[in-house]
Amino acid sequence: MTLISTIVRKALATGYLTVEAEELLRQQLQMTKYGLEDFDAFITLQTEVMEGRVRHQALELLRSSRCSATA
């Protein structure tokens, strides 16, 4: 199992994608060659985030900062 799949499995298990995990994913996707298992895992993660089953910390922080700015 590669780092990409490991990060995705943790996010799916916890229901939460941290900023740190997202940055690691970005680095791995840009700097390494990855196989079909990693690609499928990443697509699954994207689907879970879009459908609301995995929360995305970066989006929550962005929404929070926007709410604070308008208050």
PDB file of N, CA and C in Angstrom:
ATOM      1  N   MET A   1       0.845  -1.175   0.000  1.00  0.00           N
ATOM      2  CA  MET A   1       0.000   0.000   0.000  1.00  0.00           C
ATOM      3  C   MET A   1       0.896   1.245   0.000  1.00  0.00           C
ATOM      4  N   THR A   2       0.561   2.187  -0.857  1.00  0.00           N
ATOM      5  CA  THR A   2       1.368   3.398  -0.956  1.00  0.00           C
ATOM      6  C   THR A   2       0.832   4.492  -0.037  1.00  0.00           C
ATOM      7  N   LEU A   3       1.568   5.564   0.046  1.00  0.00           N
ATOM      8  CA  LEU A   3       1.174   6.675   0.901  1.00  0.00           C
ATOM      9  C   LEU A   3      -0.169   7.269   0.467  1.00  0.00           C
ATOM     10  N   ILE A   4      -0.416   7.367  -0.825  1.00  0.00           N
ATOM     11  CA  ILE A   4      -1.683   7.917  -1.305  1.00  0.00           C
ATOM     12  C   ILE A   4      -2.842   7.069  -0.786  1.00  0.00           C
ATOM     13  N   SER A   5      -2.774   5.781  -0.985  1.00  0.00           N
ATOM     14  CA  SER A   5      -3.844   4.893  -0.518  1.00  0.00           C
ATOM     15  C   SER A   5      -3.992   4.938   0.993  1.00  0.00           C
ATOM     16  N   THR A   6      -2.885   5.032   1.704  1.00  0.00           N
ATOM     17  CA  THR A   6      -2.919   5.109   3.161  1.00  0.00           C
ATOM     18  C   THR A   6      -3.632   6.370   3.626  1.00  0.00           C
ATOM     19  N   ILE A   7      -3.305   7.500   3.031  1.00  0.00           N
ATOM     20  CA  ILE A   7      -3.948   8.767   3.388  1.00  0.00           C
ATOM     21  C   ILE A   7      -5.440   8.703   3.104  1.00  0.00           C
ATOM     22  N   VAL A   8      -5.793   8.172   1.952  1.00  0.00           N
ATOM     23  CA  VAL A   8      -7.201   8.073   1.574  1.00  0.00           C
ATOM     24  C   VAL A   8      -7.946   7.150   2.536  1.00  0.00           C
ATOM     25  N   ARG A   9      -7.379   6.006   2.855  1.00  0.00           N
ATOM     26  CA  ARG A   9      -8.039   5.065   3.765  1.00  0.00           C
ATOM     27  C   ARG A   9      -8.282   5.700   5.127  1.00  0.00           C
ATOM     28  N   LYS A  10      -7.319   6.469   5.615  1.00  0.00           N
ATOM     29  CA  LYS A  10      -7.487   7.132   6.906  1.00  0.00           C
ATOM     30  C   LYS A  10      -8.612   8.164   6.843  1.00  0.00           C
ATOM     31  N   ALA A  11      -8.647   8.950   5.773  1.00  0.00           N
ATOM     32  CA  ALA A  11      -9.700   9.951   5.622  1.00  0.00           C
ATOM     33  C   ALA A  11     -11.077   9.290   5.532  1.00  0.00           C
ATOM     34  N   LEU A  12     -11.160   8.193   4.798  1.00  0.00           N
ATOM     35  CA  LEU A  12     -12.434   7.485   4.683  1.00  0.00           C
ATOM     36  C   LEU A  12     -12.853   6.887   6.031  1.00  0.00           C
ATOM     37  N   ALA A  13     -11.881   6.370   6.777  1.00  0.00           N
ATOM     38  CA  ALA A  13     -12.176   5.747   8.070  1.00  0.00           C
ATOM     39  C   ALA A  13     -12.623   6.774   9.105  1.00  0.00           C
ATOM     40  N   THR A  14     -12.003   7.947   9.076  1.00  0.00           N
ATOM     41  CA  THR A  14     -12.322   8.975  10.068  1.00  0.00           C
ATOM     42  C   THR A  14     -13.425   9.911   9.604  1.00  0.00           C
ATOM     43  N   GLY A  15     -13.661   9.945   8.293  1.00  0.00           N
ATOM     44  CA  GLY A  15     -14.658  10.868   7.756  1.00  0.00           C
ATOM     45  C   GLY A  15     -14.158  12.291   7.705  1.00  0.00           C
ATOM     46  N   TYR A  16     -12.840  12.459   7.711  1.00  0.00           N
ATOM     47  CA  TYR A  16     -12.267  13.805   7.787  1.00  0.00           C
ATOM     48  C   TYR A  16     -10.946  13.864   7.035  1.00  0.00           C
ATOM     49  N   LEU A  17     -10.806  14.845   6.156  1.00  0.00           N
ATOM     50  CA  LEU A  17      -9.553  15.064   5.428  1.00  0.00           C
ATOM     51  C   LEU A  17      -8.905  16.327   5.974  1.00  0.00           C
ATOM     52  N   THR A  18      -7.786  16.160   6.663  1.00  0.00           N
ATOM     53  CA  THR A  18      -7.103  17.309   7.254  1.00  0.00           C
ATOM     54  C   THR A  18      -6.329  18.089   6.194  1.00  0.00           C
ATOM     55  N   VAL A  19      -5.983  19.312   6.543  1.00  0.00           N
ATOM     56  CA  VAL A  19      -5.168  20.142   5.656  1.00  0.00           C
ATOM     57  C   VAL A  19      -3.827  19.471   5.406  1.00  0.00           C
ATOM     58  N   GLU A  20      -3.249  18.888   6.451  1.00  0.00           N
ATOM     59  CA  GLU A  20      -1.954  18.226   6.319  1.00  0.00           C
ATOM     60  C   GLU A  20      -2.035  17.029   5.378  1.00  0.00           C
ATOM     61  N   ALA A  21      -3.088  16.232   5.521  1.00  0.00           N
ATOM     62  CA  ALA A  21      -3.261  15.068   4.653  1.00  0.00           C
ATOM     63  C   ALA A  21      -3.481  15.514   3.213  1.00  0.00           C
ATOM     64  N   GLU A  22      -4.239  16.579   3.034  1.00  0.00           N
ATOM     65  CA  GLU A  22      -4.472  17.099   1.689  1.00  0.00           C
ATOM     66  C   GLU A  22      -3.163  17.559   1.040  1.00  0.00           C
ATOM     67  N   GLU A  23      -2.322  18.204   1.809  1.00  0.00           N
ATOM     68  CA  GLU A  23      -1.028  18.651   1.276  1.00  0.00           C
ATOM     69  C   GLU A  23      -0.149  17.452   0.913  1.00  0.00           C
ATOM     70  N   LEU A  24      -0.138  16.428   1.756  1.00  0.00           N
ATOM     71  CA  LEU A  24       0.621  15.215   1.434  1.00  0.00           C
ATOM     72  C   LEU A  24       0.098  14.569   0.149  1.00  0.00           C
ATOM     73  N   LEU A  25      -1.214  14.505   0.012  1.00  0.00           N
ATOM     74  CA  LEU A  25      -1.798  13.958  -1.221  1.00  0.00           C
ATOM     75  C   LEU A  25      -1.356  14.767  -2.430  1.00  0.00           C
ATOM     76  N   ARG A  26      -1.426  16.067  -2.312  1.00  0.00           N
ATOM     77  CA  ARG A  26      -1.024  16.941  -3.423  1.00  0.00           C
ATOM     78  C   ARG A  26       0.431  16.678  -3.820  1.00  0.00           C
ATOM     79  N   GLN A  27       1.296  16.589  -2.825  1.00  0.00           N
ATOM     80  CA  GLN A  27       2.717  16.330  -3.101  1.00  0.00           C
ATOM     81  C   GLN A  27       2.906  14.975  -3.773  1.00  0.00           C
ATOM     82  N   GLN A  28       2.249  13.960  -3.248  1.00  0.00           N
ATOM     83  CA  GLN A  28       2.389  12.619  -3.807  1.00  0.00           C
ATOM     84  C   GLN A  28       1.858  12.544  -5.238  1.00  0.00           C
ATOM     85  N   LEU A  29       0.755  13.192  -5.484  1.00  0.00           N
ATOM     86  CA  LEU A  29       0.167  13.151  -6.824  1.00  0.00           C
ATOM     87  C   LEU A  29       1.028  13.904  -7.841  1.00  0.00           C
ATOM     88  N   GLN A  30       1.714  14.936  -7.395  1.00  0.00           N
ATOM     89  CA  GLN A  30       2.542  15.721  -8.303  1.00  0.00           C
ATOM     90  C   GLN A  30       3.942  15.151  -8.489  1.00  0.00           C
ATOM     91  N   MET A  31       4.485  14.497  -7.482  1.00  0.00           N
ATOM     92  CA  MET A  31       5.893  14.145  -7.503  1.00  0.00           C
ATOM     93  C   MET A  31       6.178  12.664  -7.706  1.00  0.00           C
ATOM     94  N   THR A  32       5.176  11.831  -7.663  1.00  0.00           N
ATOM     95  CA  THR A  32       5.446  10.404  -7.780  1.00  0.00           C
ATOM     96  C   THR A  32       4.596   9.791  -8.881  1.00  0.00           C
ATOM     97  N   LYS A  33       5.044   8.672  -9.344  1.00  0.00           N
ATOM     98  CA  LYS A  33       4.226   7.879 -10.262  1.00  0.00           C
ATOM     99  C   LYS A  33       3.363   6.984  -9.389  1.00  0.00           C
ATOM    100  N   TYR A  34       2.118   6.925  -9.712  1.00  0.00           N
ATOM    101  CA  TYR A  34       1.216   6.129  -8.902  1.00  0.00           C
ATOM    102  C   TYR A  34       0.405   5.209  -9.801  1.00  0.00           C
ATOM    103  N   GLY A  35      -0.079   4.149  -9.218  1.00  0.00           N
ATOM    104  CA  GLY A  35      -0.799   3.141  -9.984  1.00  0.00           C
ATOM    105  C   GLY A  35      -2.298   3.316  -9.926  1.00  0.00           C
ATOM    106  N   LEU A  36      -2.976   2.371 -10.510  1.00  0.00           N
ATOM    107  CA  LEU A  36      -4.425   2.399 -10.600  1.00  0.00           C
ATOM    108  C   LEU A  36      -5.073   2.363  -9.217  1.00  0.00           C
ATOM    109  N   GLU A  37      -4.489   1.614  -8.279  1.00  0.00           N
ATOM    110  CA  GLU A  37      -5.045   1.549  -6.921  1.00  0.00           C
ATOM    111  C   GLU A  37      -5.077   2.940  -6.292  1.00  0.00           C
ATOM    112  N   ASP A  38      -3.987   3.684  -6.422  1.00  0.00           N
ATOM    113  CA  ASP A  38      -3.934   5.038  -5.869  1.00  0.00           C
ATOM    114  C   ASP A  38      -4.900   5.975  -6.585  1.00  0.00           C
ATOM    115  N   PHE A  39      -4.969   5.869  -7.895  1.00  0.00           N
ATOM    116  CA  PHE A  39      -5.881   6.710  -8.662  1.00  0.00           C
ATOM    117  C   PHE A  39      -7.329   6.438  -8.244  1.00  0.00           C
ATOM    118  N   ASP A  40      -7.681   5.166  -8.148  1.00  0.00           N
ATOM    119  CA  ASP A  40      -9.037   4.807  -7.727  1.00  0.00           C
ATOM    120  C   ASP A  40      -9.327   5.295  -6.306  1.00  0.00           C
ATOM    121  N   ALA A  41      -8.347   5.170  -5.417  1.00  0.00           N
ATOM    122  CA  ALA A  41      -8.525   5.633  -4.042  1.00  0.00           C
ATOM    123  C   ALA A  41      -8.759   7.137  -4.021  1.00  0.00           C
ATOM    124  N   PHE A  42      -7.991   7.875  -4.796  1.00  0.00           N
ATOM    125  CA  PHE A  42      -8.139   9.327  -4.839  1.00  0.00           C
ATOM    126  C   PHE A  42      -9.512   9.725  -5.382  1.00  0.00           C
ATOM    127  N   ILE A  43      -9.965   9.064  -6.432  1.00  0.00           N
ATOM    128  CA  ILE A  43     -11.281   9.354  -7.007  1.00  0.00           C
ATOM    129  C   ILE A  43     -12.382   9.041  -5.989  1.00  0.00           C
ATOM    130  N   THR A  44     -12.226   7.946  -5.272  1.00  0.00           N
ATOM    131  CA  THR A  44     -13.191   7.598  -4.228  1.00  0.00           C
ATOM    132  C   THR A  44     -13.242   8.680  -3.161  1.00  0.00           C
ATOM    133  N   LEU A  45     -12.076   9.159  -2.747  1.00  0.00           N
ATOM    134  CA  LEU A  45     -12.020  10.229  -1.753  1.00  0.00           C
ATOM    135  C   LEU A  45     -12.724  11.480  -2.267  1.00  0.00           C
ATOM    136  N   GLN A  46     -12.456  11.857  -3.496  1.00  0.00           N
ATOM    137  CA  GLN A  46     -13.101  13.039  -4.067  1.00  0.00           C
ATOM    138  C   GLN A  46     -14.623  12.886  -4.068  1.00  0.00           C
ATOM    139  N   THR A  47     -15.096  11.725  -4.423  1.00  0.00           N
ATOM    140  CA  THR A  47     -16.532  11.467  -4.443  1.00  0.00           C
ATOM    141  C   THR A  47     -17.124  11.572  -3.039  1.00  0.00           C
ATOM    142  N   GLU A  48     -16.444  10.981  -2.070  1.00  0.00           N
ATOM    143  CA  GLU A  48     -16.928  11.016  -0.691  1.00  0.00           C
ATOM    144  C   GLU A  48     -16.970  12.450  -0.146  1.00  0.00           C
ATOM    145  N   VAL A  49     -15.992  13.249  -0.497  1.00  0.00           N
ATOM    146  CA  VAL A  49     -15.983  14.655  -0.074  1.00  0.00           C
ATOM    147  C   VAL A  49     -17.140  15.407  -0.742  1.00  0.00           C
ATOM    148  N   MET A  50     -17.300  15.225  -2.041  1.00  0.00           N
ATOM    149  CA  MET A  50     -18.364  15.929  -2.764  1.00  0.00           C
ATOM    150  C   MET A  50     -19.749  15.544  -2.256  1.00  0.00           C
ATOM    151  N   GLU A  51     -19.907  14.295  -1.848  1.00  0.00           N
ATOM    152  CA  GLU A  51     -21.202  13.831  -1.374  1.00  0.00           C
ATOM    153  C   GLU A  51     -21.405  14.054   0.121  1.00  0.00           C
ATOM    154  N   GLY A  52     -20.392  14.640   0.772  1.00  0.00           N
ATOM    155  CA  GLY A  52     -20.535  15.027   2.170  1.00  0.00           C
ATOM    156  C   GLY A  52     -20.264  13.936   3.186  1.00  0.00           C
ATOM    157  N   ARG A  53     -19.757  12.806   2.765  1.00  0.00           N
ATOM    158  CA  ARG A  53     -19.463  11.726   3.707  1.00  0.00           C
ATOM    159  C   ARG A  53     -18.083  11.865   4.344  1.00  0.00           C
ATOM    160  N   VAL A  54     -17.225  12.659   3.720  1.00  0.00           N
ATOM    161  CA  VAL A  54     -15.924  12.992   4.297  1.00  0.00           C
ATOM    162  C   VAL A  54     -15.850  14.512   4.371  1.00  0.00           C
ATOM    163  N   ARG A  55     -15.605  15.012   5.568  1.00  0.00           N
ATOM    164  CA  ARG A  55     -15.489  16.463   5.752  1.00  0.00           C
ATOM    165  C   ARG A  55     -14.091  16.900   5.333  1.00  0.00           C
ATOM    166  N   HIS A  56     -14.031  18.112   4.792  1.00  0.00           N
ATOM    167  CA  HIS A  56     -12.806  18.657   4.227  1.00  0.00           C
ATOM    168  C   HIS A  56     -12.378  19.845   5.089  1.00  0.00           C
ATOM    169  N   GLN A  57     -11.336  19.676   5.884  1.00  0.00           N
ATOM    170  CA  GLN A  57     -10.918  20.695   6.832  1.00  0.00           C
ATOM    171  C   GLN A  57     -10.646  22.036   6.164  1.00  0.00           C
ATOM    172  N   ALA A  58     -10.008  22.032   5.013  1.00  0.00           N
ATOM    173  CA  ALA A  58      -9.678  23.295   4.339  1.00  0.00           C
ATOM    174  C   ALA A  58     -10.941  24.079   4.013  1.00  0.00           C
ATOM    175  N   LEU A  59     -11.990  23.405   3.564  1.00  0.00           N
ATOM    176  CA  LEU A  59     -13.244  24.094   3.266  1.00  0.00           C
ATOM    177  C   LEU A  59     -13.902  24.615   4.531  1.00  0.00           C
ATOM    178  N   GLU A  60     -13.837  23.849   5.596  1.00  0.00           N
ATOM    179  CA  GLU A  60     -14.399  24.293   6.870  1.00  0.00           C
ATOM    180  C   GLU A  60     -13.669  25.529   7.387  1.00  0.00           C
ATOM    181  N   LEU A  61     -12.364  25.548   7.251  1.00  0.00           N
ATOM    182  CA  LEU A  61     -11.589  26.713   7.678  1.00  0.00           C
ATOM    183  C   LEU A  61     -11.918  27.935   6.822  1.00  0.00           C
ATOM    184  N   LEU A  62     -12.075  27.726   5.532  1.00  0.00           N
ATOM    185  CA  LEU A  62     -12.425  28.814   4.633  1.00  0.00           C
ATOM    186  C   LEU A  62     -13.793  29.382   4.993  1.00  0.00           C
ATOM    187  N   ARG A  63     -14.762  28.524   5.184  1.00  0.00           N
ATOM    188  CA  ARG A  63     -16.113  28.981   5.571  1.00  0.00           C
ATOM    189  C   ARG A  63     -16.074  29.712   6.900  1.00  0.00           C
ATOM    190  N   SER A  64     -15.310  29.190   7.834  1.00  0.00           N
ATOM    191  CA  SER A  64     -15.199  29.806   9.152  1.00  0.00           C
ATOM    192  C   SER A  64     -14.593  31.203   9.061  1.00  0.00           C
ATOM    193  N   SER A  65     -13.550  31.345   8.250  1.00  0.00           N
ATOM    194  CA  SER A  65     -12.911  32.661   8.124  1.00  0.00           C
ATOM    195  C   SER A  65     -13.823  33.651   7.414  1.00  0.00           C
ATOM    196  N   ARG A  66     -14.623  33.189   6.482  1.00  0.00           N
ATOM    197  CA  ARG A  66     -15.585  34.073   5.795  1.00  0.00           C
ATOM    198  C   ARG A  66     -16.667  34.542   6.757  1.00  0.00           C
ATOM    199  N   CYS A  67     -17.129  33.635   7.612  1.00  0.00           N
ATOM    200  CA  CYS A  67     -18.145  34.010   8.606  1.00  0.00           C
ATOM    201  C   CYS A  67     -17.590  35.007   9.593  1.00  0.00           C
ATOM    202  N   SER A  68     -16.350  34.822  10.005  1.00  0.00           N
ATOM    203  CA  SER A  68     -15.708  35.738  10.941  1.00  0.00           C
ATOM    204  C   SER A  68     -15.508  37.116  10.326  1.00  0.00           C
ATOM    205  N   ALA A  69     -15.204  37.153   9.036  1.00  0.00           N
ATOM    206  CA  ALA A  69     -14.963  38.421   8.361  1.00  0.00           C
ATOM    207  C   ALA A  69     -16.237  39.231   8.193  1.00  0.00           C
ATOM    208  N   THR A  70     -17.366  38.551   8.066  1.00  0.00           N
ATOM    209  CA  THR A  70     -18.620  39.275   7.864  1.00  0.00           C
ATOM    210  C   THR A  70     -19.288  39.641   9.169  1.00  0.00           C
ATOM    211  N   ALA A  71     -18.828  39.074  10.280  1.00  0.00           N
ATOM    212  CA  ALA A  71     -19.444  39.356  11.580  1.00  0.00           C
ATOM    213  C   ALA A  71     -18.997  40.680  12.142  1.00  0.00           C
TER     214      ALA A  71
END
